[in-house]
Amino acid sequence: MEIADYLRVARKRLWVLILIPLLAAGAAVAWVLTSPPEYSATATLSTTAFVGGTTNQFTGTQAAPSFAATFTAKATGPAVQATASDASGVPVSQLEDGIQVTQNGASSDMTLTFTGPDKQKVVPALEAVKKATLNSMFAAQVTQAETKVNNAQAAVVAANQRLRQVTLNYGRTDPLTVYQGQLTRVSVDNLEMAQSEYQMAMGQLTAAQADDILYISSVRTVGKAQALISTVVPVVGAAIFLSVIFVMMLEMLAHSRRQSRQVVLDAKNARHQPAAGGATEAPQGV
């Protein structure tokens, strides 16, 4: 088919190409306008106290993008959203659809936006997501450091037991001054290092869970204009595509019917035409 053929089909089926998108747009507009109102708030997370520096978990030139990627993945993940749902009373499905997380430029600060149908739960949802996300990121480090402390303490106890055994076996009266540097110094150093790591991890977790690092805007009603644009435009686009497909199907069906009628007409004409060479002249009168 050439362009002229497509234009001819479009003019012939113009009512289909117009009616289907109009009906779809009307249905989308009605759905948006009759849907219950939604409410939204934006929170800014300040990360100065626990990102960067020389002792924090996220440090160096890649501290900001690394923290932002980890925070975003955690905040939008099922584990954090389940914890935040239990804490805020917001269903997980609403958190999945309503939470948005973005990095503030090149910094490690984050912006969280939540949109939901319950005005009273917008702020609790943001606070719960923030707390659950940071706890997921930093609590594991505290647990690991605590395990190291426990292991180091056990090593010191074992070293002291060996010292006592040496005293019993060899009768040394002052094993602490003779053998402590050899048998317990490493264990004590490891314990001190583990305790230092634990204190740093606890400091980061405490700083991350502080209330004053999250600044939440006032709750606002979400306007219908943006919802109309974001809903109607894709619906109309899909409707136009479907209307074109529908027109093509109608044309194929019409073409098939025309061919069938032509075959029937050709068959009838063939039956009414005399066979080749079978015609006879009428007898002339005498």
Protein backbone atom coordinates (compact mmCIF):
# COMPACT_ATOMS: atom_id res chain seq x y z
CA MET A 1 0.00 0.00 0.00
CA GLU A 2 1.09 3.53 -0.78
CA ILE A 3 0.61 6.65 1.31
CA ALA A 4 -2.50 7.56 -0.65
CA ASP A 5 -4.01 4.19 0.25
CA TYR A 6 -3.31 4.74 3.96
CA LEU A 7 -4.86 8.20 3.79
CA ARG A 8 -7.92 6.80 2.06
CA VAL A 9 -8.33 4.17 4.78
CA ALA A 10 -7.83 6.79 7.50
CA ARG A 11 -10.53 9.03 6.01
CA LYS A 12 -12.85 6.07 5.65
CA ARG A 13 -12.34 4.90 9.25
CA LEU A 14 -11.83 8.33 10.79
CA TRP A 15 -14.65 7.75 13.27
CA VAL A 16 -12.77 4.78 14.75
CA LEU A 17 -9.48 6.68 15.00
CA ILE A 18 -11.24 9.50 16.87
CA LEU A 19 -13.84 7.66 18.93
CA ILE A 20 -11.59 5.12 20.66
CA PRO A 21 -9.02 7.68 21.95
CA LEU A 22 -11.86 10.00 23.04
CA LEU A 23 -13.54 7.22 25.02
CA ALA A 24 -10.23 6.21 26.59
CA ALA A 25 -9.40 9.82 27.52
CA GLY A 26 -12.84 10.31 29.02
CA ALA A 27 -12.55 7.16 31.09
CA ALA A 28 -9.05 8.16 32.33
CA VAL A 29 -10.21 11.67 33.26
CA ALA A 30 -13.24 10.30 35.10
CA TRP A 31 -11.08 7.81 36.98
CA VAL A 32 -8.58 10.49 38.09
CA LEU A 33 -11.22 13.04 39.09
CA THR A 34 -13.28 10.54 41.09
CA SER A 35 -10.31 8.94 42.83
CA PRO A 36 -9.76 9.92 46.49
CA PRO A 37 -7.26 12.74 47.20
CA GLU A 38 -3.62 11.95 47.87
CA TYR A 39 -1.17 13.66 50.19
CA SER A 40 2.58 14.08 49.93
CA ALA A 41 5.56 15.33 51.91
CA THR A 42 9.28 15.61 51.22
CA ALA A 43 12.09 14.83 53.66
CA THR A 44 15.77 15.78 53.36
CA LEU A 45 18.29 13.51 55.05
CA SER A 46 21.52 15.17 56.24
CA THR A 47 24.42 12.70 56.26
CA THR A 48 27.27 14.93 57.43
CA ALA A 49 27.66 13.13 60.76
CA PHE A 50 28.14 9.62 59.38
CA VAL A 51 29.40 9.87 55.77
CA GLY A 52 32.94 10.92 54.91
CA GLY A 53 35.85 11.41 57.27
CA THR A 54 38.46 8.76 57.98
CA THR A 55 36.64 6.47 60.39
CA ASN A 56 33.18 6.15 58.87
CA GLN A 57 31.89 3.21 56.88
CA PHE A 58 31.40 5.38 53.78
CA THR A 59 34.57 7.37 53.18
CA GLY A 60 36.89 8.45 50.39
CA THR A 61 36.13 9.96 47.00
CA GLN A 62 33.32 7.49 46.34
CA ALA A 63 31.61 7.99 49.70
CA ALA A 64 28.67 10.03 48.35
CA PRO A 65 27.70 7.85 45.35
CA SER A 66 28.32 4.67 47.32
CA PHE A 67 26.10 5.83 50.18
CA ALA A 68 23.39 7.08 47.79
CA ALA A 69 23.28 3.80 45.87
CA THR A 70 23.18 1.73 49.05
CA PHE A 71 20.54 3.93 50.68
CA THR A 72 18.31 3.87 47.59
CA ALA A 73 18.55 0.11 47.22
CA LYS A 74 17.77 -0.45 50.90
CA ALA A 75 14.93 2.10 51.09
CA THR A 76 13.11 0.63 48.10
CA GLY A 77 13.84 -2.99 49.04
CA PRO A 78 11.26 -5.41 50.47
CA ALA A 79 12.99 -5.91 53.85
CA VAL A 80 13.10 -2.22 54.78
CA GLN A 81 9.60 -1.57 53.45
CA ALA A 82 8.20 -4.43 55.49
CA THR A 83 9.85 -3.02 58.64
CA ALA A 84 8.66 0.51 57.82
CA SER A 85 5.16 -0.79 57.20
CA ASP A 86 5.02 -2.39 60.64
CA ALA A 87 6.30 0.80 62.28
CA SER A 88 4.07 3.30 60.43
CA GLY A 89 0.95 1.27 59.70
CA VAL A 90 1.22 2.07 55.98
CA PRO A 91 0.63 -1.00 53.77
CA VAL A 92 3.67 -2.29 51.91
CA SER A 93 1.87 -1.81 48.58
CA GLN A 94 1.49 1.92 49.30
CA LEU A 95 5.16 2.21 50.24
CA GLU A 96 6.18 0.45 47.04
CA ASP A 97 4.10 2.85 44.91
CA GLY A 98 4.47 6.02 46.97
CA ILE A 99 8.11 6.27 48.09
CA GLN A 100 10.68 8.04 45.92
CA VAL A 101 14.37 8.37 46.81
CA THR A 102 16.82 10.71 45.06
CA GLN A 103 20.37 11.90 45.71
CA ASN A 104 20.83 15.63 46.27
CA GLY A 105 23.22 16.52 43.48
CA ALA A 106 26.70 15.13 44.05
CA SER A 107 26.39 15.14 47.85
CA SER A 108 25.51 12.18 50.03
CA ASP A 109 22.36 13.90 51.32
CA MET A 110 19.14 12.24 50.21
CA THR A 111 15.60 13.38 49.44
CA LEU A 112 12.67 11.12 50.28
CA THR A 113 9.16 11.81 49.02
CA PHE A 114 6.12 9.81 50.01
CA THR A 115 2.65 10.10 48.50
CA GLY A 116 -0.32 8.26 49.97
CA PRO A 117 -4.07 8.46 50.60
CA ASP A 118 -3.85 8.87 54.40
CA LYS A 119 -2.73 12.37 55.42
CA GLN A 120 -1.95 11.33 58.99
CA LYS A 121 0.48 8.61 57.90
CA VAL A 122 2.61 10.51 55.39
CA VAL A 123 5.14 11.82 57.94
CA PRO A 124 5.28 8.54 59.95
CA ALA A 125 5.96 6.69 56.70
CA LEU A 126 8.95 8.93 55.88
CA GLU A 127 10.34 8.62 59.41
CA ALA A 128 9.91 4.84 59.39
CA VAL A 129 11.61 4.41 56.01
CA LYS A 130 14.53 6.59 57.11
CA LYS A 131 14.99 4.72 60.39
CA ALA A 132 14.62 1.24 58.90
CA THR A 133 16.99 2.05 56.02
CA LEU A 134 19.79 3.47 58.14
CA ASN A 135 19.39 0.72 60.73
CA SER A 136 19.74 -1.85 57.96
CA MET A 137 22.88 -0.12 56.71
CA PHE A 138 24.68 0.47 60.03
CA ALA A 139 23.30 -2.06 62.53
CA ALA A 140 25.01 -4.94 60.73
CA GLN A 141 28.36 -3.19 61.20
CA VAL A 142 27.67 -2.87 64.93
CA THR A 143 26.81 -6.56 65.14
CA GLN A 144 30.02 -7.53 63.35
CA ALA A 145 32.10 -5.30 65.63
CA GLU A 146 30.37 -6.75 68.69
CA THR A 147 31.21 -10.25 67.50
CA LYS A 148 34.85 -9.25 67.12
CA VAL A 149 34.88 -7.90 70.68
CA ASN A 150 33.42 -11.13 72.03
CA ASN A 151 35.97 -13.23 70.11
CA ALA A 152 38.84 -11.02 71.29
CA GLN A 153 37.67 -11.26 74.89
CA ALA A 154 37.52 -15.03 74.58
CA ALA A 155 41.06 -15.01 73.20
CA VAL A 156 42.32 -12.98 76.20
CA VAL A 157 40.64 -15.40 78.60
CA ALA A 158 42.23 -18.33 76.81
CA ALA A 159 45.67 -16.66 76.96
CA ASN A 160 45.32 -16.06 80.71
CA GLN A 161 44.33 -19.69 81.20
CA ARG A 162 47.47 -20.75 79.36
CA LEU A 163 49.50 -18.49 81.67
CA ARG A 164 48.01 -20.12 84.72
CA GLN A 165 48.78 -23.51 83.26
CA VAL A 166 52.40 -22.46 82.71
CA THR A 167 52.58 -21.43 86.37
CA LEU A 168 51.28 -24.79 87.46
CA ASN A 169 53.57 -26.75 85.14
CA TYR A 170 56.82 -24.89 85.70
CA GLY A 171 56.31 -23.29 89.10
CA ARG A 172 56.88 -19.79 87.88
CA THR A 173 55.95 -17.37 90.65
CA ASP A 174 55.57 -14.30 88.48
CA PRO A 175 54.27 -15.40 85.10
CA LEU A 176 52.67 -12.03 84.35
CA THR A 177 56.00 -10.24 84.13
CA VAL A 178 57.75 -13.09 82.33
CA TYR A 179 55.21 -14.34 79.80
CA GLN A 180 52.47 -11.73 79.46
CA GLY A 181 54.21 -9.90 76.63
CA GLN A 182 54.65 -13.19 74.77
CA LEU A 183 51.32 -14.89 75.40
CA THR A 184 48.71 -12.17 75.86
CA ARG A 185 49.92 -9.01 74.12
CA VAL A 186 48.45 -9.97 70.74
CA SER A 187 45.12 -10.93 72.29
CA VAL A 188 44.95 -7.70 74.27
CA ASP A 189 45.80 -5.63 71.20
CA ASN A 190 43.10 -7.41 69.19
CA LEU A 191 40.61 -6.76 71.97
CA GLU A 192 41.44 -3.08 72.09
CA MET A 193 41.14 -2.82 68.30
CA ALA A 194 37.80 -4.64 68.31
CA GLN A 195 36.50 -2.39 71.07
CA SER A 196 37.58 0.66 69.09
CA GLU A 197 35.77 -0.61 65.99
CA TYR A 198 32.68 -1.29 68.05
CA GLN A 199 32.69 2.22 69.49
CA MET A 200 33.04 3.74 65.99
CA ALA A 201 30.25 1.55 64.63
CA MET A 202 27.99 2.48 67.54
CA GLY A 203 28.82 6.14 67.00
CA GLN A 204 27.82 5.94 63.33
CA LEU A 205 24.61 4.10 64.14
CA THR A 206 23.72 6.62 66.86
CA ALA A 207 24.39 9.53 64.50
CA ALA A 208 22.38 7.88 61.71
CA GLN A 209 19.40 7.29 63.97
CA ALA A 210 19.27 10.84 65.36
CA ASP A 211 15.96 12.64 64.86
CA ASP A 212 17.45 15.98 63.85
CA ILE A 213 19.05 14.73 60.62
CA LEU A 214 15.69 14.41 58.84
CA TYR A 215 13.93 17.60 57.79
CA ILE A 216 10.32 16.97 56.70
CA SER A 217 8.17 19.48 54.84
CA SER A 218 4.54 20.09 55.65
CA VAL A 219 2.05 17.64 54.19
CA ARG A 220 0.40 18.93 51.03
CA THR A 221 -2.54 17.78 48.93
CA VAL A 222 -1.46 16.40 45.58
CA GLY A 223 -3.11 18.30 42.72
CA LYS A 224 -5.11 16.51 40.07
CA ALA A 225 -3.38 18.26 37.16
CA GLN A 226 -0.20 16.22 37.39
CA ALA A 227 -2.17 13.02 37.86
CA LEU A 228 -4.28 13.86 34.80
CA ILE A 229 -1.20 14.42 32.66
CA SER A 230 0.60 11.32 33.88
CA THR A 231 -2.52 9.18 33.38
CA VAL A 232 -4.37 10.57 30.36
CA VAL A 233 -1.38 11.00 28.05
CA PRO A 234 -0.22 7.35 28.10
CA VAL A 235 -3.83 6.11 28.00
CA VAL A 236 -4.59 8.20 24.89
CA GLY A 237 -1.35 7.05 23.28
CA ALA A 238 -2.25 3.42 23.87
CA ALA A 239 -5.79 4.06 22.60
CA ILE A 240 -4.48 5.57 19.36
CA PHE A 241 -2.28 2.55 18.82
CA LEU A 242 -5.20 0.20 19.46
CA SER A 243 -7.47 2.20 17.15
CA VAL A 244 -4.92 1.88 14.33
CA ILE A 245 -4.74 -1.88 14.93
CA PHE A 246 -8.54 -2.05 14.94
CA VAL A 247 -8.75 -0.14 11.64
CA MET A 248 -6.24 -2.51 10.08
CA MET A 249 -8.29 -5.48 11.23
CA LEU A 250 -11.47 -3.93 9.79
CA GLU A 251 -9.73 -3.30 6.47
CA MET A 252 -8.39 -6.85 6.34
CA LEU A 253 -11.88 -8.19 7.09
CA ALA A 254 -13.45 -5.93 4.45
CA HIS A 255 -10.81 -6.94 1.92
CA SER A 256 -11.45 -10.62 2.66
CA ARG A 257 -15.18 -10.14 2.17
CA ARG A 258 -14.65 -8.34 -1.14
CA GLN A 259 -12.47 -11.16 -2.36
CA SER A 260 -15.08 -13.72 -1.33
CA ARG A 261 -17.84 -11.82 -3.17
CA GLN A 262 -15.64 -11.50 -6.24
CA VAL A 263 -15.00 -15.23 -6.24
CA VAL A 264 -18.74 -15.91 -6.05
CA LEU A 265 -19.45 -13.45 -8.90
CA ASP A 266 -16.73 -14.98 -11.06
CA ALA A 267 -18.19 -18.43 -10.45
CA LYS A 268 -21.68 -17.29 -11.45
CA ASN A 269 -20.41 -15.57 -14.59
CA ALA A 270 -18.50 -18.69 -15.54
CA ARG A 271 -21.65 -20.81 -15.26
CA HIS A 272 -23.68 -18.47 -17.48
CA GLN A 273 -21.09 -18.14 -20.24
CA PRO A 274 -21.34 -20.77 -23.11
CA ALA A 275 -18.44 -23.10 -23.58
CA ALA A 276 -15.86 -22.13 -26.19
CA GLY A 277 -16.93 -23.31 -29.70
CA GLY A 278 -20.32 -24.51 -28.46
CA ALA A 279 -22.38 -21.68 -29.97
CA THR A 280 -24.66 -22.64 -32.97
CA GLU A 281 -26.29 -20.45 -35.55
CA ALA A 282 -30.03 -20.29 -35.63
CA PRO A 283 -31.51 -22.25 -38.63
CA GLN A 284 -32.62 -20.11 -41.50
CA GLY A 285 -36.16 -20.45 -42.58
CA VAL A 286 -36.97 -22.23 -45.77
